[in-house]
């Protein structure tokens, strides 16, 4: 009976180690994706700031473009 109990405990520990390894891999992959998304967001924010700094080519928001 003790041998069987020990085998069950070892089996559970092995399963838990596999689960922890899989979770660590998932967390690592999510961190990599998060870092890529942060880089993209920062680039987009820089582009938006650059566009807002240049304005609308000198046109006010109520001014009609020349082709009207």
PDB file of N, CA and C in Angstrom:
ATOM      1  N   UNK A   1       0.821  -1.199   0.000  1.00  0.00           N
ATOM      2  CA  UNK A   1       0.000   0.000   0.000  1.00  0.00           C
ATOM      3  C   UNK A   1       0.864   1.261   0.000  1.00  0.00           C
ATOM      4  N   UNK A   2       1.941   1.285   0.764  1.00  0.00           N
ATOM      5  CA  UNK A   2       2.812   2.449   0.830  1.00  0.00           C
ATOM      6  C   UNK A   2       3.506   2.680  -0.511  1.00  0.00           C
ATOM      7  N   UNK A   3       3.892   1.599  -1.176  1.00  0.00           N
ATOM      8  CA  UNK A   3       4.547   1.701  -2.477  1.00  0.00           C
ATOM      9  C   UNK A   3       3.608   2.348  -3.492  1.00  0.00           C
ATOM     10  N   UNK A   4       2.366   1.932  -3.497  1.00  0.00           N
ATOM     11  CA  UNK A   4       1.369   2.478  -4.423  1.00  0.00           C
ATOM     12  C   UNK A   4       1.132   3.964  -4.149  1.00  0.00           C
ATOM     13  N   UNK A   5       1.095   4.311  -2.896  1.00  0.00           N
ATOM     14  CA  UNK A   5       0.890   5.711  -2.524  1.00  0.00           C
ATOM     15  C   UNK A   5       2.077   6.568  -2.985  1.00  0.00           C
ATOM     16  N   UNK A   6       3.269   6.053  -2.817  1.00  0.00           N
ATOM     17  CA  UNK A   6       4.469   6.758  -3.234  1.00  0.00           C
ATOM     18  C   UNK A   6       4.483   6.954  -4.754  1.00  0.00           C
ATOM     19  N   UNK A   7       4.087   5.939  -5.500  1.00  0.00           N
ATOM     20  CA  UNK A   7       4.026   6.033  -6.954  1.00  0.00           C
ATOM     21  C   UNK A   7       3.002   7.089  -7.370  1.00  0.00           C
ATOM     22  N   UNK A   8       1.866   7.143  -6.699  1.00  0.00           N
ATOM     23  CA  UNK A   8       0.843   8.145  -7.003  1.00  0.00           C
ATOM     24  C   UNK A   8       1.364   9.565  -6.758  1.00  0.00           C
ATOM     25  N   UNK A   9       2.068   9.738  -5.657  1.00  0.00           N
ATOM     26  CA  UNK A   9       2.624  11.048  -5.337  1.00  0.00           C
ATOM     27  C   UNK A   9       3.663  11.450  -6.388  1.00  0.00           C
ATOM     28  N   UNK A  10       4.537  10.520  -6.762  1.00  0.00           N
ATOM     29  CA  UNK A  10       5.550  10.821  -7.772  1.00  0.00           C
ATOM     30  C   UNK A  10       4.908  11.147  -9.120  1.00  0.00           C
ATOM     31  N   UNK A  11       3.837  10.453  -9.448  1.00  0.00           N
ATOM     32  CA  UNK A  11       3.118  10.715 -10.696  1.00  0.00           C
ATOM     33  C   UNK A  11       2.524  12.114 -10.680  1.00  0.00           C
ATOM     34  N   UNK A  12       1.917  12.481  -9.562  1.00  0.00           N
ATOM     35  CA  UNK A  12       1.333  13.814  -9.440  1.00  0.00           C
ATOM     36  C   UNK A  12       2.403  14.898  -9.539  1.00  0.00           C
ATOM     37  N   UNK A  13       3.536  14.680  -8.909  1.00  0.00           N
ATOM     38  CA  UNK A  13       4.621  15.662  -8.953  1.00  0.00           C
ATOM     39  C   UNK A  13       5.132  15.812 -10.388  1.00  0.00           C
ATOM     40  N   UNK A  14       5.291  14.708 -11.084  1.00  0.00           N
ATOM     41  CA  UNK A  14       5.758  14.765 -12.472  1.00  0.00           C
ATOM     42  C   UNK A  14       4.757  15.531 -13.340  1.00  0.00           C
ATOM     43  N   UNK A  15       3.466  15.285 -13.135  1.00  0.00           N
ATOM     44  CA  UNK A  15       2.429  15.997 -13.885  1.00  0.00           C
ATOM     45  C   UNK A  15       2.481  17.493 -13.587  1.00  0.00           C
ATOM     46  N   UNK A  16       2.631  17.831 -12.311  1.00  0.00           N
ATOM     47  CA  UNK A  16       2.706  19.245 -11.931  1.00  0.00           C
ATOM     48  C   UNK A  16       3.933  19.924 -12.533  1.00  0.00           C
ATOM     49  N   UNK A  17       5.056  19.246 -12.572  1.00  0.00           N
ATOM     50  CA  UNK A  17       6.258  19.814 -13.183  1.00  0.00           C
ATOM     51  C   UNK A  17       6.033  20.083 -14.667  1.00  0.00           C
ATOM     52  N   UNK A  18       5.365  19.168 -15.354  1.00  0.00           N
ATOM     53  CA  UNK A  18       5.043  19.372 -16.775  1.00  0.00           C
ATOM     54  C   UNK A  18       4.114  20.569 -16.951  1.00  0.00           C
ATOM     55  N   UNK A  19       3.131  20.683 -16.089  1.00  0.00           N
ATOM     56  CA  UNK A  19       2.188  21.799 -16.164  1.00  0.00           C
ATOM     57  C   UNK A  19       2.902  23.134 -15.910  1.00  0.00           C
ATOM     58  N   UNK A  20       3.773  23.164 -14.925  1.00  0.00           N
ATOM     59  CA  UNK A  20       4.514  24.386 -14.612  1.00  0.00           C
ATOM     60  C   UNK A  20       5.393  24.780 -15.796  1.00  0.00           C
ATOM     61  N   UNK A  21       6.042  23.817 -16.419  1.00  0.00           N
ATOM     62  CA  UNK A  21       6.883  24.107 -17.578  1.00  0.00           C
ATOM     63  C   UNK A  21       6.043  24.668 -18.729  1.00  0.00           C
ATOM     64  N   UNK A  22       4.867  24.082 -18.958  1.00  0.00           N
ATOM     65  CA  UNK A  22       3.986  24.577 -20.021  1.00  0.00           C
ATOM     66  C   UNK A  22       3.496  25.990 -19.714  1.00  0.00           C
ATOM     67  N   UNK A  23       3.156  26.258 -18.463  1.00  0.00           N
ATOM     68  CA  UNK A  23       2.715  27.594 -18.071  1.00  0.00           C
ATOM     69  C   UNK A  23       3.838  28.614 -18.212  1.00  0.00           C
ATOM     70  N   UNK A  24       5.040  28.230 -17.826  1.00  0.00           N
ATOM     71  CA  UNK A  24       6.182  29.137 -17.977  1.00  0.00           C
ATOM     72  C   UNK A  24       6.416  29.475 -19.446  1.00  0.00           C
ATOM     73  N   UNK A  25       6.284  28.485 -20.308  1.00  0.00           N
ATOM     74  CA  UNK A  25       6.459  28.724 -21.741  1.00  0.00           C
ATOM     75  C   UNK A  25       5.391  29.690 -22.255  1.00  0.00           C
ATOM     76  N   UNK A  26       4.163  29.501 -21.809  1.00  0.00           N
ATOM     77  CA  UNK A  26       3.070  30.378 -22.225  1.00  0.00           C
ATOM     78  C   UNK A  26       3.299  31.805 -21.739  1.00  0.00           C
ATOM     79  N   UNK A  27       3.712  31.958 -20.505  1.00  0.00           N
ATOM     80  CA  UNK A  27       3.978  33.287 -19.955  1.00  0.00           C
ATOM     81  C   UNK A  27       5.105  33.961 -20.730  1.00  0.00           C
ATOM     82  N   UNK A  28       6.143  33.209 -21.059  1.00  0.00           N
ATOM     83  CA  UNK A  28       7.263  33.761 -21.824  1.00  0.00           C
ATOM     84  C   UNK A  28       6.790  34.244 -23.200  1.00  0.00           C
ATOM     85  N   UNK A  29       5.997  33.429 -23.883  1.00  0.00           N
ATOM     86  CA  UNK A  29       5.495  33.805 -25.208  1.00  0.00           C
ATOM     87  C   UNK A  29       4.598  35.039 -25.123  1.00  0.00           C
ATOM     88  N   UNK A  30       3.762  35.109 -24.095  1.00  0.00           N
ATOM     89  CA  UNK A  30       2.901  36.273 -23.928  1.00  0.00           C
ATOM     90  C   UNK A  30       3.728  37.532 -23.655  1.00  0.00           C
ATOM     91  N   UNK A  31       4.795  37.398 -22.888  1.00  0.00           N
ATOM     92  CA  UNK A  31       5.666  38.540 -22.611  1.00  0.00           C
ATOM     93  C   UNK A  31       6.318  39.035 -23.895  1.00  0.00           C
ATOM     94  N   UNK A  32       6.743  38.108 -24.747  1.00  0.00           N
ATOM     95  CA  UNK A  32       7.342  38.493 -26.023  1.00  0.00           C
ATOM     96  C   UNK A  32       6.337  39.240 -26.886  1.00  0.00           C
ATOM     97  N   UNK A  33       5.104  38.747 -26.942  1.00  0.00           N
ATOM     98  CA  UNK A  33       4.057  39.421 -27.719  1.00  0.00           C
ATOM     99  C   UNK A  33       3.752  40.797 -27.143  1.00  0.00           C
ATOM    100  N   UNK A  34       3.708  40.891 -25.833  1.00  0.00           N
ATOM    101  CA  UNK A  34       3.443  42.168 -25.179  1.00  0.00           C
ATOM    102  C   UNK A  34       4.526  43.187 -25.512  1.00  0.00           C
ATOM    103  N   UNK A  35       5.767  42.759 -25.499  1.00  0.00           N
ATOM    104  CA  UNK A  35       6.864  43.669 -25.821  1.00  0.00           C
ATOM    105  C   UNK A  35       6.777  44.130 -27.272  1.00  0.00           C
ATOM    106  N   UNK A  36       6.402  43.219 -28.191  1.00  0.00           N
ATOM    107  CA  UNK A  36       6.239  43.619 -29.594  1.00  0.00           C
ATOM    108  C   UNK A  36       5.098  44.616 -29.741  1.00  0.00           C
ATOM    109  N   UNK A  37       3.993  44.371 -29.048  1.00  0.00           N
ATOM    110  CA  UNK A  37       2.856  45.290 -29.115  1.00  0.00           C
ATOM    111  C   UNK A  37       3.200  46.656 -28.533  1.00  0.00           C
ATOM    112  N   UNK A  38       3.967  46.687 -27.452  1.00  0.00           N
ATOM    113  CA  UNK A  38       4.383  47.963 -26.871  1.00  0.00           C
ATOM    114  C   UNK A  38       5.249  48.743 -27.858  1.00  0.00           C
ATOM    115  N   UNK A  39       6.122  48.041 -28.554  1.00  0.00           N
ATOM    116  CA  UNK A  39       6.973  48.692 -29.553  1.00  0.00           C
ATOM    117  C   UNK A  39       6.120  49.282 -30.668  1.00  0.00           C
ATOM    118  N   UNK A  40       5.140  48.528 -31.126  1.00  0.00           N
ATOM    119  CA  UNK A  40       4.237  49.005 -32.186  1.00  0.00           C
ATOM    120  C   UNK A  40       3.447  50.215 -31.706  1.00  0.00           C
ATOM    121  N   UNK A  41       2.929  50.158 -30.492  1.00  0.00           N
ATOM    122  CA  UNK A  41       2.147  51.273 -29.944  1.00  0.00           C
ATOM    123  C   UNK A  41       2.998  52.530 -29.807  1.00  0.00           C
ATOM    124  N   UNK A  42       4.229  52.372 -29.366  1.00  0.00           N
ATOM    125  CA  UNK A  42       5.118  53.525 -29.247  1.00  0.00           C
ATOM    126  C   UNK A  42       5.393  54.143 -30.613  1.00  0.00           C
ATOM    127  N   UNK A  43       5.589  53.301 -31.629  1.00  0.00           N
ATOM    128  CA  UNK A  43       5.831  53.814 -32.983  1.00  0.00           C
ATOM    129  C   UNK A  43       4.597  54.551 -33.499  1.00  0.00           C
ATOM    130  N   UNK A  44       3.427  53.985 -33.261  1.00  0.00           N
ATOM    131  CA  UNK A  44       2.192  54.644 -33.690  1.00  0.00           C
ATOM    132  C   UNK A  44       1.986  55.968 -32.966  1.00  0.00           C
ATOM    133  N   UNK A  45       2.303  56.008 -31.685  1.00  0.00           N
ATOM    134  CA  UNK A  45       2.165  57.252 -30.921  1.00  0.00           C
ATOM    135  C   UNK A  45       3.113  58.315 -31.462  1.00  0.00           C
ATOM    136  N   UNK A  46       4.342  57.926 -31.805  1.00  0.00           N
ATOM    137  CA  UNK A  46       5.290  58.878 -32.398  1.00  0.00           C
ATOM    138  C   UNK A  46       4.764  59.412 -33.728  1.00  0.00           C
ATOM    139  N   UNK A  47       4.199  58.514 -34.538  1.00  0.00           N
ATOM    140  CA  UNK A  47       3.650  58.948 -35.827  1.00  0.00           C
ATOM    141  C   UNK A  47       2.494  59.916 -35.636  1.00  0.00           C
ATOM    142  N   UNK A  48       1.623  59.632 -34.661  1.00  0.00           N
ATOM    143  CA  UNK A  48       0.497  60.523 -34.397  1.00  0.00           C
ATOM    144  C   UNK A  48       0.975  61.890 -33.909  1.00  0.00           C
ATOM    145  N   UNK A  49       1.986  61.895 -33.041  1.00  0.00           N
ATOM    146  CA  UNK A  49       2.530  63.167 -32.564  1.00  0.00           C
ATOM    147  C   UNK A  49       3.144  63.947 -33.722  1.00  0.00           C
ATOM    148  N   UNK A  50       3.841  63.242 -34.599  1.00  0.00           N
ATOM    149  CA  UNK A  50       4.452  63.919 -35.747  1.00  0.00           C
ATOM    150  C   UNK A  50       3.380  64.503 -36.654  1.00  0.00           C
ATOM    151  N   UNK A  51       2.294  63.761 -36.863  1.00  0.00           N
ATOM    152  CA  UNK A  51       1.203  64.266 -37.697  1.00  0.00           C
ATOM    153  C   UNK A  51       0.525  65.463 -37.055  1.00  0.00           C
ATOM    154  N   UNK A  52       0.325  65.405 -35.750  1.00  0.00           N
ATOM    155  CA  UNK A  52      -0.343  66.523 -35.078  1.00  0.00           C
ATOM    156  C   UNK A  52       0.566  67.751 -35.017  1.00  0.00           C
ATOM    157  N   UNK A  53       1.887  67.521 -34.962  1.00  0.00           N
ATOM    158  CA  UNK A  53       2.831  68.647 -34.961  1.00  0.00           C
ATOM    159  C   UNK A  53       2.834  69.363 -36.305  1.00  0.00           C
ATOM    160  N   UNK A  54       2.707  68.607 -37.385  1.00  0.00           N
ATOM    161  CA  UNK A  54       2.703  69.228 -38.716  1.00  0.00           C
ATOM    162  C   UNK A  54       1.346  69.820 -39.042  1.00  0.00           C
ATOM    163  N   UNK A  55       0.321  69.427 -38.321  1.00  0.00           N
ATOM    164  CA  UNK A  55      -1.023  69.952 -38.556  1.00  0.00           C
ATOM    165  C   UNK A  55      -1.621  69.369 -39.813  1.00  0.00           C
ATOM    166  N   UNK A  56      -2.552  70.100 -40.382  1.00  0.00           N
ATOM    167  CA  UNK A  56      -3.244  69.660 -41.596  1.00  0.00           C
ATOM    168  C   UNK A  56      -2.728  70.433 -42.795  1.00  0.00           C
ATOM    169  N   UNK A  57      -1.424  70.489 -42.974  1.00  0.00           N
ATOM    170  CA  UNK A  57      -0.802  71.241 -44.070  1.00  0.00           C
ATOM    171  C   UNK A  57      -1.217  72.703 -44.057  1.00  0.00           C
ATOM    172  N   UNK A  58      -1.356  73.269 -42.878  1.00  0.00           N
ATOM    173  CA  UNK A  58      -1.669  74.687 -42.757  1.00  0.00           C
ATOM    174  C   UNK A  58      -3.152  74.995 -42.829  1.00  0.00           C
ATOM    175  N   UNK A  59      -3.999  74.017 -43.019  1.00  0.00           N
ATOM    176  CA  UNK A  59      -5.435  74.259 -43.094  1.00  0.00           C
ATOM    177  C   UNK A  59      -6.036  74.184 -41.699  1.00  0.00           C
ATOM    178  N   UNK A  60      -6.946  75.093 -41.427  1.00  0.00           N
ATOM    179  CA  UNK A  60      -7.662  74.965 -40.161  1.00  0.00           C
ATOM    180  C   UNK A  60      -8.717  73.888 -40.355  1.00  0.00           C
ATOM    181  N   UNK A  61      -9.311  73.456 -39.275  1.00  0.00           N
ATOM    182  CA  UNK A  61     -10.280  72.364 -39.362  1.00  0.00           C
ATOM    183  C   UNK A  61     -11.536  72.786 -40.102  1.00  0.00           C
ATOM    184  N   UNK A  62     -11.838  74.084 -40.172  1.00  0.00           N
ATOM    185  CA  UNK A  62     -13.056  74.544 -40.847  1.00  0.00           C
ATOM    186  C   UNK A  62     -12.773  75.070 -42.256  1.00  0.00           C
ATOM    187  N   UNK A  63     -11.532  75.176 -42.619  1.00  0.00           N
ATOM    188  CA  UNK A  63     -11.167  75.725 -43.925  1.00  0.00           C
ATOM    189  C   UNK A  63     -11.323  74.649 -45.009  1.00  0.00           C
ATOM    190  N   UNK A  64     -11.890  75.037 -46.143  1.00  0.00           N
ATOM    191  CA  UNK A  64     -12.073  74.094 -47.241  1.00  0.00           C
ATOM    192  C   UNK A  64     -10.747  73.923 -47.995  1.00  0.00           C
ATOM    193  N   UNK A  65     -10.496  72.729 -48.453  1.00  0.00           N
ATOM    194  CA  UNK A  65      -9.284  72.512 -49.256  1.00  0.00           C
ATOM    195  C   UNK A  65      -9.403  73.239 -50.600  1.00  0.00           C
ATOM    196  N   UNK A  66      -8.287  73.521 -51.256  1.00  0.00           N
ATOM    197  CA  UNK A  66      -8.300  74.328 -52.482  1.00  0.00           C
ATOM    198  C   UNK A  66      -9.101  73.733 -53.635  1.00  0.00           C
ATOM    199  N   UNK A  67      -9.339  72.450 -53.677  1.00  0.00           N
ATOM    200  CA  UNK A  67     -10.022  71.865 -54.824  1.00  0.00           C
ATOM    201  C   UNK A  67     -11.531  72.087 -54.789  1.00  0.00           C
ATOM    202  N   UNK A  68     -12.056  72.765 -53.769  1.00  0.00           N
ATOM    203  CA  UNK A  68     -13.506  73.044 -53.736  1.00  0.00           C
ATOM    204  C   UNK A  68     -13.828  74.289 -54.466  1.00  0.00           C
TER     205      UNK A  68
END
